[in-house]
Amino acid sequence: MPRRLLALLALIGALTVIACQGSPAAPALSDPKDILAKTVLSLKDVKTVQIKGDLTGTVQVPNSGALDLKGTTASLDADIAAKTIHVTVSAPSFL
């Protein structure tokens, strides 16, 4: 039984490799203007955007010293169709 299972797995793996090699690859973009044009065209149908970020490090505040940014997060959720934006910032070190 283990030999049959091993043979079956080898056959599935070989067929997967053969099937993946037959698919055409996308042409490489090298012209910067073409890259920007393709990027803008790909964004025309975007309906929602979500951006999240974390800050780390320190910031020198005049007359106050260094402020640690550990744990500071920001997120932006935009619904393009409804024209709404929701921004959230969490900065525990400011408190």
PDB file of N, CA and C in Angstrom:
ATOM      1  N   MET A   1       0.808  -1.198   0.000  1.00  0.00           N
ATOM      2  CA  MET A   1       0.000   0.000   0.000  1.00  0.00           C
ATOM      3  C   MET A   1       0.852   1.262   0.000  1.00  0.00           C
ATOM      4  N   PRO A   2       1.918   1.378   0.828  1.00  0.00           N
ATOM      5  CA  PRO A   2       2.722   2.587   0.807  1.00  0.00           C
ATOM      6  C   PRO A   2       3.378   2.836  -0.551  1.00  0.00           C
ATOM      7  N   ARG A   3       3.741   1.759  -1.280  1.00  0.00           N
ATOM      8  CA  ARG A   3       4.360   1.936  -2.589  1.00  0.00           C
ATOM      9  C   ARG A   3       3.364   2.542  -3.578  1.00  0.00           C
ATOM     10  N   ARG A   4       2.124   2.122  -3.499  1.00  0.00           N
ATOM     11  CA  ARG A   4       1.099   2.679  -4.393  1.00  0.00           C
ATOM     12  C   ARG A   4       0.852   4.145  -4.076  1.00  0.00           C
ATOM     13  N   LEU A   5       0.824   4.464  -2.808  1.00  0.00           N
ATOM     14  CA  LEU A   5       0.623   5.851  -2.407  1.00  0.00           C
ATOM     15  C   LEU A   5       1.788   6.718  -2.863  1.00  0.00           C
ATOM     16  N   LEU A   6       3.007   6.228  -2.707  1.00  0.00           N
ATOM     17  CA  LEU A   6       4.190   6.956  -3.143  1.00  0.00           C
ATOM     18  C   LEU A   6       4.180   7.154  -4.653  1.00  0.00           C
ATOM     19  N   ALA A   7       3.794   6.103  -5.396  1.00  0.00           N
ATOM     20  CA  ALA A   7       3.718   6.203  -6.857  1.00  0.00           C
ATOM     21  C   ALA A   7       2.646   7.204  -7.279  1.00  0.00           C
ATOM     22  N   LEU A   8       1.521   7.206  -6.587  1.00  0.00           N
ATOM     23  CA  LEU A   8       0.449   8.146  -6.899  1.00  0.00           C
ATOM     24  C   LEU A   8       0.888   9.581  -6.633  1.00  0.00           C
ATOM     25  N   LEU A   9       1.558   9.816  -5.518  1.00  0.00           N
ATOM     26  CA  LEU A   9       2.049  11.158  -5.208  1.00  0.00           C
ATOM     27  C   LEU A   9       3.094  11.621  -6.224  1.00  0.00           C
ATOM     28  N   ALA A  10       3.961  10.708  -6.665  1.00  0.00           N
ATOM     29  CA  ALA A  10       4.962  11.051  -7.664  1.00  0.00           C
ATOM     30  C   ALA A  10       4.296  11.402  -8.990  1.00  0.00           C
ATOM     31  N   LEU A  11       3.264  10.670  -9.366  1.00  0.00           N
ATOM     32  CA  LEU A  11       2.536  10.940 -10.602  1.00  0.00           C
ATOM     33  C   LEU A  11       1.831  12.293 -10.542  1.00  0.00           C
ATOM     34  N   ILE A  12       1.184  12.593  -9.425  1.00  0.00           N
ATOM     35  CA  ILE A  12       0.513  13.880  -9.256  1.00  0.00           C
ATOM     36  C   ILE A  12       1.535  15.019  -9.309  1.00  0.00           C
ATOM     37  N   GLY A  13       2.669  14.843  -8.679  1.00  0.00           N
ATOM     38  CA  GLY A  13       3.713  15.870  -8.711  1.00  0.00           C
ATOM     39  C   GLY A  13       4.242  16.100 -10.109  1.00  0.00           C
ATOM     40  N   ALA A  14       4.467  15.023 -10.857  1.00  0.00           N
ATOM     41  CA  ALA A  14       4.968  15.151 -12.225  1.00  0.00           C
ATOM     42  C   ALA A  14       3.950  15.847 -13.118  1.00  0.00           C
ATOM     43  N   LEU A  15       2.673  15.506 -12.978  1.00  0.00           N
ATOM     44  CA  LEU A  15       1.637  16.150 -13.778  1.00  0.00           C
ATOM     45  C   LEU A  15       1.509  17.632 -13.432  1.00  0.00           C
ATOM     46  N   THR A  16       1.673  17.971 -12.170  1.00  0.00           N
ATOM     47  CA  THR A  16       1.614  19.370 -11.753  1.00  0.00           C
ATOM     48  C   THR A  16       2.743  20.169 -12.380  1.00  0.00           C
ATOM     49  N   VAL A  17       3.947  19.629 -12.369  1.00  0.00           N
ATOM     50  CA  VAL A  17       5.097  20.316 -12.962  1.00  0.00           C
ATOM     51  C   VAL A  17       4.895  20.491 -14.458  1.00  0.00           C
ATOM     52  N   ILE A  18       4.414  19.464 -15.136  1.00  0.00           N
ATOM     53  CA  ILE A  18       4.192  19.543 -16.583  1.00  0.00           C
ATOM     54  C   ILE A  18       3.098  20.561 -16.905  1.00  0.00           C
ATOM     55  N   ALA A  19       2.026  20.579 -16.132  1.00  0.00           N
ATOM     56  CA  ALA A  19       0.931  21.511 -16.379  1.00  0.00           C
ATOM     57  C   ALA A  19       1.365  22.953 -16.147  1.00  0.00           C
ATOM     58  N   CYS A  20       2.185  23.205 -15.150  1.00  0.00           N
ATOM     59  CA  CYS A  20       2.621  24.568 -14.849  1.00  0.00           C
ATOM     60  C   CYS A  20       3.613  25.094 -15.882  1.00  0.00           C
ATOM     61  N   GLN A  21       4.387  24.218 -16.492  1.00  0.00           N
ATOM     62  CA  GLN A  21       5.349  24.661 -17.491  1.00  0.00           C
ATOM     63  C   GLN A  21       4.663  25.056 -18.788  1.00  0.00           C
ATOM     64  N   GLY A  22       3.487  24.564 -19.044  1.00  0.00           N
ATOM     65  CA  GLY A  22       2.791  24.862 -20.284  1.00  0.00           C
ATOM     66  C   GLY A  22       2.102  26.212 -20.293  1.00  0.00           C
ATOM     67  N   SER A  23       1.915  26.844 -19.140  1.00  0.00           N
ATOM     68  CA  SER A  23       1.213  28.124 -19.099  1.00  0.00           C
ATOM     69  C   SER A  23       2.144  29.251 -19.538  1.00  0.00           C
ATOM     70  N   PRO A  24       1.649  30.189 -20.341  1.00  0.00           N
ATOM     71  CA  PRO A  24       2.500  31.277 -20.809  1.00  0.00           C
ATOM     72  C   PRO A  24       2.804  32.268 -19.689  1.00  0.00           C
ATOM     73  N   ALA A  25       4.000  32.785 -19.693  1.00  0.00           N
ATOM     74  CA  ALA A  25       4.407  33.757 -18.684  1.00  0.00           C
ATOM     75  C   ALA A  25       4.035  35.158 -19.159  1.00  0.00           C
ATOM     76  N   ALA A  26       3.734  36.024 -18.224  1.00  0.00           N
ATOM     77  CA  ALA A  26       3.425  37.415 -18.558  1.00  0.00           C
ATOM     78  C   ALA A  26       4.703  38.108 -19.023  1.00  0.00           C
ATOM     79  N   PRO A  27       4.591  38.982 -20.019  1.00  0.00           N
ATOM     80  CA  PRO A  27       5.793  39.671 -20.491  1.00  0.00           C
ATOM     81  C   PRO A  27       6.336  40.607 -19.417  1.00  0.00           C
ATOM     82  N   ALA A  28       7.643  40.668 -19.331  1.00  0.00           N
ATOM     83  CA  ALA A  28       8.285  41.531 -18.332  1.00  0.00           C
ATOM     84  C   ALA A  28       8.192  42.984 -18.778  1.00  0.00           C
ATOM     85  N   LEU A  29       7.871  43.856 -17.841  1.00  0.00           N
ATOM     86  CA  LEU A  29       7.810  45.285 -18.120  1.00  0.00           C
ATOM     87  C   LEU A  29       9.128  45.914 -17.725  1.00  0.00           C
ATOM     88  N   SER A  30       9.704  46.718 -18.612  1.00  0.00           N
ATOM     89  CA  SER A  30      10.964  47.374 -18.285  1.00  0.00           C
ATOM     90  C   SER A  30      10.895  48.884 -18.476  1.00  0.00           C
ATOM     91  N   ASP A  31       9.945  49.376 -19.260  1.00  0.00           N
ATOM     92  CA  ASP A  31       9.815  50.811 -19.498  1.00  0.00           C
ATOM     93  C   ASP A  31       9.056  51.445 -18.332  1.00  0.00           C
ATOM     94  N   PRO A  32       9.631  52.431 -17.650  1.00  0.00           N
ATOM     95  CA  PRO A  32       8.942  53.045 -16.499  1.00  0.00           C
ATOM     96  C   PRO A  32       7.586  53.641 -16.847  1.00  0.00           C
ATOM     97  N   LYS A  33       7.458  54.256 -18.017  1.00  0.00           N
ATOM     98  CA  LYS A  33       6.168  54.836 -18.416  1.00  0.00           C
ATOM     99  C   LYS A  33       5.122  53.742 -18.604  1.00  0.00           C
ATOM    100  N   ASP A  34       5.541  52.613 -19.169  1.00  0.00           N
ATOM    101  CA  ASP A  34       4.624  51.498 -19.366  1.00  0.00           C
ATOM    102  C   ASP A  34       4.204  50.895 -18.036  1.00  0.00           C
ATOM    103  N   ILE A  35       5.139  50.823 -17.091  1.00  0.00           N
ATOM    104  CA  ILE A  35       4.824  50.298 -15.759  1.00  0.00           C
ATOM    105  C   ILE A  35       3.786  51.177 -15.075  1.00  0.00           C
ATOM    106  N   LEU A  36       3.974  52.503 -15.129  1.00  0.00           N
ATOM    107  CA  LEU A  36       3.011  53.423 -14.508  1.00  0.00           C
ATOM    108  C   LEU A  36       1.660  53.362 -15.201  1.00  0.00           C
ATOM    109  N   ALA A  37       1.655  53.265 -16.526  1.00  0.00           N
ATOM    110  CA  ALA A  37       0.392  53.192 -17.262  1.00  0.00           C
ATOM    111  C   ALA A  37      -0.371  51.928 -16.891  1.00  0.00           C
ATOM    112  N   LYS A  38       0.318  50.793 -16.814  1.00  0.00           N
ATOM    113  CA  LYS A  38      -0.336  49.531 -16.437  1.00  0.00           C
ATOM    114  C   LYS A  38      -0.857  49.595 -15.000  1.00  0.00           C
ATOM    115  N   THR A  39      -0.110  50.272 -14.116  1.00  0.00           N
ATOM    116  CA  THR A  39      -0.543  50.403 -12.727  1.00  0.00           C
ATOM    117  C   THR A  39      -1.820  51.215 -12.634  1.00  0.00           C
ATOM    118  N   VAL A  40      -1.871  52.338 -13.330  1.00  0.00           N
ATOM    119  CA  VAL A  40      -3.064  53.191 -13.301  1.00  0.00           C
ATOM    120  C   VAL A  40      -4.256  52.452 -13.895  1.00  0.00           C
ATOM    121  N   LEU A  41      -4.046  51.735 -14.995  1.00  0.00           N
ATOM    122  CA  LEU A  41      -5.141  50.978 -15.605  1.00  0.00           C
ATOM    123  C   LEU A  41      -5.648  49.872 -14.686  1.00  0.00           C
ATOM    124  N   SER A  42      -4.771  49.272 -13.908  1.00  0.00           N
ATOM    125  CA  SER A  42      -5.211  48.205 -13.006  1.00  0.00           C
ATOM    126  C   SER A  42      -6.000  48.747 -11.817  1.00  0.00           C
ATOM    127  N   LEU A  43      -5.861  50.032 -11.514  1.00  0.00           N
ATOM    128  CA  LEU A  43      -6.560  50.624 -10.372  1.00  0.00           C
ATOM    129  C   LEU A  43      -7.926  51.197 -10.726  1.00  0.00           C
ATOM    130  N   LYS A  44      -8.304  51.205 -12.006  1.00  0.00           N
ATOM    131  CA  LYS A  44      -9.562  51.838 -12.399  1.00  0.00           C
ATOM    132  C   LYS A  44     -10.800  51.137 -11.845  1.00  0.00           C
ATOM    133  N   ASP A  45     -10.710  49.845 -11.560  1.00  0.00           N
ATOM    134  CA  ASP A  45     -11.858  49.098 -11.056  1.00  0.00           C
ATOM    135  C   ASP A  45     -11.813  48.857  -9.550  1.00  0.00           C
ATOM    136  N   VAL A  46     -10.928  49.538  -8.841  1.00  0.00           N
ATOM    137  CA  VAL A  46     -10.804  49.363  -7.392  1.00  0.00           C
ATOM    138  C   VAL A  46     -12.036  49.946  -6.707  1.00  0.00           C
ATOM    139  N   LYS A  47     -12.605  49.184  -5.787  1.00  0.00           N
ATOM    140  CA  LYS A  47     -13.787  49.644  -5.060  1.00  0.00           C
ATOM    141  C   LYS A  47     -13.479  49.983  -3.603  1.00  0.00           C
ATOM    142  N   THR A  48     -12.522  49.273  -3.009  1.00  0.00           N
ATOM    143  CA  THR A  48     -12.140  49.544  -1.626  1.00  0.00           C
ATOM    144  C   THR A  48     -10.624  49.505  -1.491  1.00  0.00           C
ATOM    145  N   VAL A  49     -10.131  50.251  -0.500  1.00  0.00           N
ATOM    146  CA  VAL A  49      -8.705  50.295  -0.206  1.00  0.00           C
ATOM    147  C   VAL A  49      -8.530  50.160   1.294  1.00  0.00           C
ATOM    148  N   GLN A  50      -7.554  49.352   1.708  1.00  0.00           N
ATOM    149  CA  GLN A  50      -7.250  49.209   3.128  1.00  0.00           C
ATOM    150  C   GLN A  50      -5.733  49.292   3.285  1.00  0.00           C
ATOM    151  N   ILE A  51      -5.293  50.216   4.131  1.00  0.00           N
ATOM    152  CA  ILE A  51      -3.873  50.406   4.398  1.00  0.00           C
ATOM    153  C   ILE A  51      -3.669  50.338   5.903  1.00  0.00           C
ATOM    154  N   LYS A  52      -2.666  49.554   6.335  1.00  0.00           N
ATOM    155  CA  LYS A  52      -2.342  49.445   7.759  1.00  0.00           C
ATOM    156  C   LYS A  52      -0.852  49.656   7.923  1.00  0.00           C
ATOM    157  N   GLY A  53      -0.470  50.293   9.034  1.00  0.00           N
ATOM    158  CA  GLY A  53       0.943  50.515   9.290  1.00  0.00           C
ATOM    159  C   GLY A  53       1.258  50.523  10.770  1.00  0.00           C
ATOM    160  N   ASP A  54       2.487  50.137  11.096  1.00  0.00           N
ATOM    161  CA  ASP A  54       2.991  50.146  12.463  1.00  0.00           C
ATOM    162  C   ASP A  54       4.246  51.005  12.500  1.00  0.00           C
ATOM    163  N   LEU A  55       4.374  51.824  13.521  1.00  0.00           N
ATOM    164  CA  LEU A  55       5.567  52.650  13.681  1.00  0.00           C
ATOM    165  C   LEU A  55       6.396  52.139  14.848  1.00  0.00           C
ATOM    166  N   THR A  56       7.702  52.178  14.678  1.00  0.00           N
ATOM    167  CA  THR A  56       8.619  51.848  15.763  1.00  0.00           C
ATOM    168  C   THR A  56       9.742  52.868  15.750  1.00  0.00           C
ATOM    169  N   GLY A  57      10.462  52.951  16.812  1.00  0.00           N
ATOM    170  CA  GLY A  57      11.577  53.887  16.912  1.00  0.00           C
ATOM    171  C   GLY A  57      11.283  54.988  17.901  1.00  0.00           C
ATOM    172  N   THR A  58      12.051  56.045  17.805  1.00  0.00           N
ATOM    173  CA  THR A  58      11.861  57.196  18.695  1.00  0.00           C
ATOM    174  C   THR A  58      11.848  58.477  17.889  1.00  0.00           C
ATOM    175  N   VAL A  59      11.187  59.488  18.444  1.00  0.00           N
ATOM    176  CA  VAL A  59      11.122  60.816  17.840  1.00  0.00           C
ATOM    177  C   VAL A  59      11.610  61.816  18.874  1.00  0.00           C
ATOM    178  N   GLN A  60      12.489  62.708  18.466  1.00  0.00           N
ATOM    179  CA  GLN A  60      12.961  63.756  19.371  1.00  0.00           C
ATOM    180  C   GLN A  60      11.958  64.913  19.368  1.00  0.00           C
ATOM    181  N   VAL A  61      11.381  65.185  20.516  1.00  0.00           N
ATOM    182  CA  VAL A  61      10.421  66.277  20.672  1.00  0.00           C
ATOM    183  C   VAL A  61      11.142  67.430  21.366  1.00  0.00           C
ATOM    184  N   PRO A  62      11.128  68.608  20.755  1.00  0.00           N
ATOM    185  CA  PRO A  62      11.813  69.745  21.380  1.00  0.00           C
ATOM    186  C   PRO A  62      11.278  70.024  22.789  1.00  0.00           C
ATOM    187  N   ASN A  63      12.168  70.273  23.703  1.00  0.00           N
ATOM    188  CA  ASN A  63      11.846  70.600  25.101  1.00  0.00           C
ATOM    189  C   ASN A  63      11.182  69.455  25.862  1.00  0.00           C
ATOM    190  N   SER A  64      11.113  68.249  25.269  1.00  0.00           N
ATOM    191  CA  SER A  64      10.485  67.130  25.969  1.00  0.00           C
ATOM    192  C   SER A  64      11.331  65.873  25.953  1.00  0.00           C
ATOM    193  N   GLY A  65      12.311  65.780  25.093  1.00  0.00           N
ATOM    194  CA  GLY A  65      13.136  64.579  25.008  1.00  0.00           C
ATOM    195  C   GLY A  65      12.644  63.635  23.929  1.00  0.00           C
ATOM    196  N   ALA A  66      12.963  62.357  24.090  1.00  0.00           N
ATOM    197  CA  ALA A  66      12.620  61.351  23.085  1.00  0.00           C
ATOM    198  C   ALA A  66      11.260  60.730  23.384  1.00  0.00           C
ATOM    199  N   LEU A  67      10.495  60.469  22.338  1.00  0.00           N
ATOM    200  CA  LEU A  67       9.187  59.841  22.459  1.00  0.00           C
ATOM    201  C   LEU A  67       9.252  58.479  21.773  1.00  0.00           C
ATOM    202  N   ASP A  68       8.971  57.414  22.506  1.00  0.00           N
ATOM    203  CA  ASP A  68       9.007  56.059  21.957  1.00  0.00           C
ATOM    204  C   ASP A  68       7.725  55.804  21.170  1.00  0.00           C
ATOM    205  N   LEU A  69       7.866  55.344  19.913  1.00  0.00           N
ATOM    206  CA  LEU A  69       6.710  55.086  19.052  1.00  0.00           C
ATOM    207  C   LEU A  69       6.257  53.631  19.064  1.00  0.00           C
ATOM    208  N   LYS A  70       6.842  52.806  19.930  1.00  0.00           N
ATOM    209  CA  LYS A  70       6.479  51.388  19.983  1.00  0.00           C
ATOM    210  C   LYS A  70       4.982  51.247  20.269  1.00  0.00           C
ATOM    211  N   GLY A  71       4.294  50.428  19.462  1.00  0.00           N
ATOM    212  CA  GLY A  71       2.862  50.198  19.643  1.00  0.00           C
ATOM    213  C   GLY A  71       1.985  51.176  18.891  1.00  0.00           C
ATOM    214  N   THR A  72       2.570  52.140  18.177  1.00  0.00           N
ATOM    215  CA  THR A  72       1.789  53.109  17.420  1.00  0.00           C
ATOM    216  C   THR A  72       1.355  52.479  16.101  1.00  0.00           C
ATOM    217  N   THR A  73       0.048  52.506  15.846  1.00  0.00           N
ATOM    218  CA  THR A  73      -0.496  51.928  14.621  1.00  0.00           C
ATOM    219  C   THR A  73      -1.417  52.919  13.932  1.00  0.00           C
ATOM    220  N   ALA A  74      -1.588  52.723  12.633  1.00  0.00           N
ATOM    221  CA  ALA A  74      -2.515  53.542  11.851  1.00  0.00           C
ATOM    222  C   ALA A  74      -3.171  52.650  10.813  1.00  0.00           C
ATOM    223  N   SER A  75      -4.439  52.924  10.529  1.00  0.00           N
ATOM    224  CA  SER A  75      -5.131  52.189   9.472  1.00  0.00           C
ATOM    225  C   SER A  75      -6.058  53.138   8.737  1.00  0.00           C
ATOM    226  N   LEU A  76      -6.218  52.871   7.452  1.00  0.00           N
ATOM    227  CA  LEU A  76      -7.087  53.672   6.607  1.00  0.00           C
ATOM    228  C   LEU A  76      -7.951  52.713   5.808  1.00  0.00           C
ATOM    229  N   ASP A  77      -9.251  52.897   5.863  1.00  0.00           N
ATOM    230  CA  ASP A  77     -10.206  52.119   5.081  1.00  0.00           C
ATOM    231  C   ASP A  77     -10.985  53.091   4.219  1.00  0.00           C
ATOM    232  N   ALA A  78     -10.955  52.887   2.904  1.00  0.00           N
ATOM    233  CA  ALA A  78     -11.659  53.780   1.988  1.00  0.00           C
ATOM    234  C   ALA A  78     -12.593  52.972   1.106  1.00  0.00           C
ATOM    235  N   ASP A  79     -13.819  53.439   1.001  1.00  0.00           N
ATOM    236  CA  ASP A  79     -14.800  52.857   0.084  1.00  0.00           C
ATOM    237  C   ASP A  79     -14.950  53.857  -1.052  1.00  0.00           C
ATOM    238  N   ILE A  80     -14.353  53.537  -2.198  1.00  0.00           N
ATOM    239  CA  ILE A  80     -14.318  54.465  -3.318  1.00  0.00           C
ATOM    240  C   ILE A  80     -15.719  54.712  -3.862  1.00  0.00           C
ATOM    241  N   ALA A  81     -16.527  53.673  -3.999  1.00  0.00           N
ATOM    242  CA  ALA A  81     -17.866  53.816  -4.566  1.00  0.00           C
ATOM    243  C   ALA A  81     -18.752  54.693  -3.687  1.00  0.00           C
ATOM    244  N   ALA A  82     -18.682  54.524  -2.377  1.00  0.00           N
ATOM    245  CA  ALA A  82     -19.511  55.314  -1.454  1.00  0.00           C
ATOM    246  C   ALA A  82     -18.860  56.636  -1.069  1.00  0.00           C
ATOM    247  N   LYS A  83     -17.607  56.840  -1.489  1.00  0.00           N
ATOM    248  CA  LYS A  83     -16.848  58.057  -1.187  1.00  0.00           C
ATOM    249  C   LYS A  83     -16.736  58.304   0.316  1.00  0.00           C
ATOM    250  N   THR A  84     -16.360  57.242   1.046  1.00  0.00           N
ATOM    251  CA  THR A  84     -16.162  57.361   2.486  1.00  0.00           C
ATOM    252  C   THR A  84     -14.762  56.887   2.852  1.00  0.00           C
ATOM    253  N   ILE A  85     -14.218  57.518   3.900  1.00  0.00           N
ATOM    254  CA  ILE A  85     -12.899  57.158   4.410  1.00  0.00           C
ATOM    255  C   ILE A  85     -12.983  57.066   5.918  1.00  0.00           C
ATOM    256  N   HIS A  86     -12.329  56.036   6.470  1.00  0.00           N
ATOM    257  CA  HIS A  86     -12.264  55.864   7.919  1.00  0.00           C
ATOM    258  C   HIS A  86     -10.794  55.713   8.294  1.00  0.00           C
ATOM    259  N   VAL A  87     -10.294  56.625   9.131  1.00  0.00           N
ATOM    260  CA  VAL A  87      -8.904  56.610   9.563  1.00  0.00           C
ATOM    261  C   VAL A  87      -8.849  56.347  11.065  1.00  0.00           C
ATOM    262  N   THR A  88      -7.975  55.415  11.467  1.00  0.00           N
ATOM    263  CA  THR A  88      -7.802  55.101  12.870  1.00  0.00           C
ATOM    264  C   THR A  88      -6.312  55.193  13.210  1.00  0.00           C
ATOM    265  N   VAL A  89      -5.985  55.920  14.283  1.00  0.00           N
ATOM    266  CA  VAL A  89      -4.609  56.023  14.755  1.00  0.00           C
ATOM    267  C   VAL A  89      -4.588  55.672  16.234  1.00  0.00           C
ATOM    268  N   SER A  90      -3.685  54.789  16.601  1.00  0.00           N
ATOM    269  CA  SER A  90      -3.512  54.413  17.995  1.00  0.00           C
ATOM    270  C   SER A  90      -2.077  54.721  18.388  1.00  0.00           C
ATOM    271  N   ALA A  91      -1.928  55.625  19.353  1.00  0.00           N
ATOM    272  CA  ALA A  91      -0.593  56.034  19.800  1.00  0.00           C
ATOM    273  C   ALA A  91      -0.541  56.011  21.319  1.00  0.00           C
ATOM    274  N   PRO A  92      -0.306  54.840  21.913  1.00  0.00           N
ATOM    275  CA  PRO A  92      -0.308  54.738  23.374  1.00  0.00           C
ATOM    276  C   PRO A  92       0.810  55.552  24.031  1.00  0.00           C
ATOM    277  N   SER A  93       1.912  55.790  23.335  1.00  0.00           N
ATOM    278  CA  SER A  93       3.011  56.535  23.952  1.00  0.00           C
ATOM    279  C   SER A  93       2.703  58.017  24.112  1.00  0.00           C
ATOM    280  N   PHE A  94       1.722  58.543  23.397  1.00  0.00           N
ATOM    281  CA  PHE A  94       1.348  59.944  23.545  1.00  0.00           C
ATOM    282  C   PHE A  94       0.537  60.180  24.814  1.00  0.00           C
ATOM    283  N   LEU A  95      -0.063  59.126  25.343  1.00  0.00           N
ATOM    284  CA  LEU A  95      -0.847  59.278  26.548  1.00  0.00           C
ATOM    285  C   LEU A  95       0.072  59.168  27.728  1.00  0.00           C
TER     286      LEU A  95
END
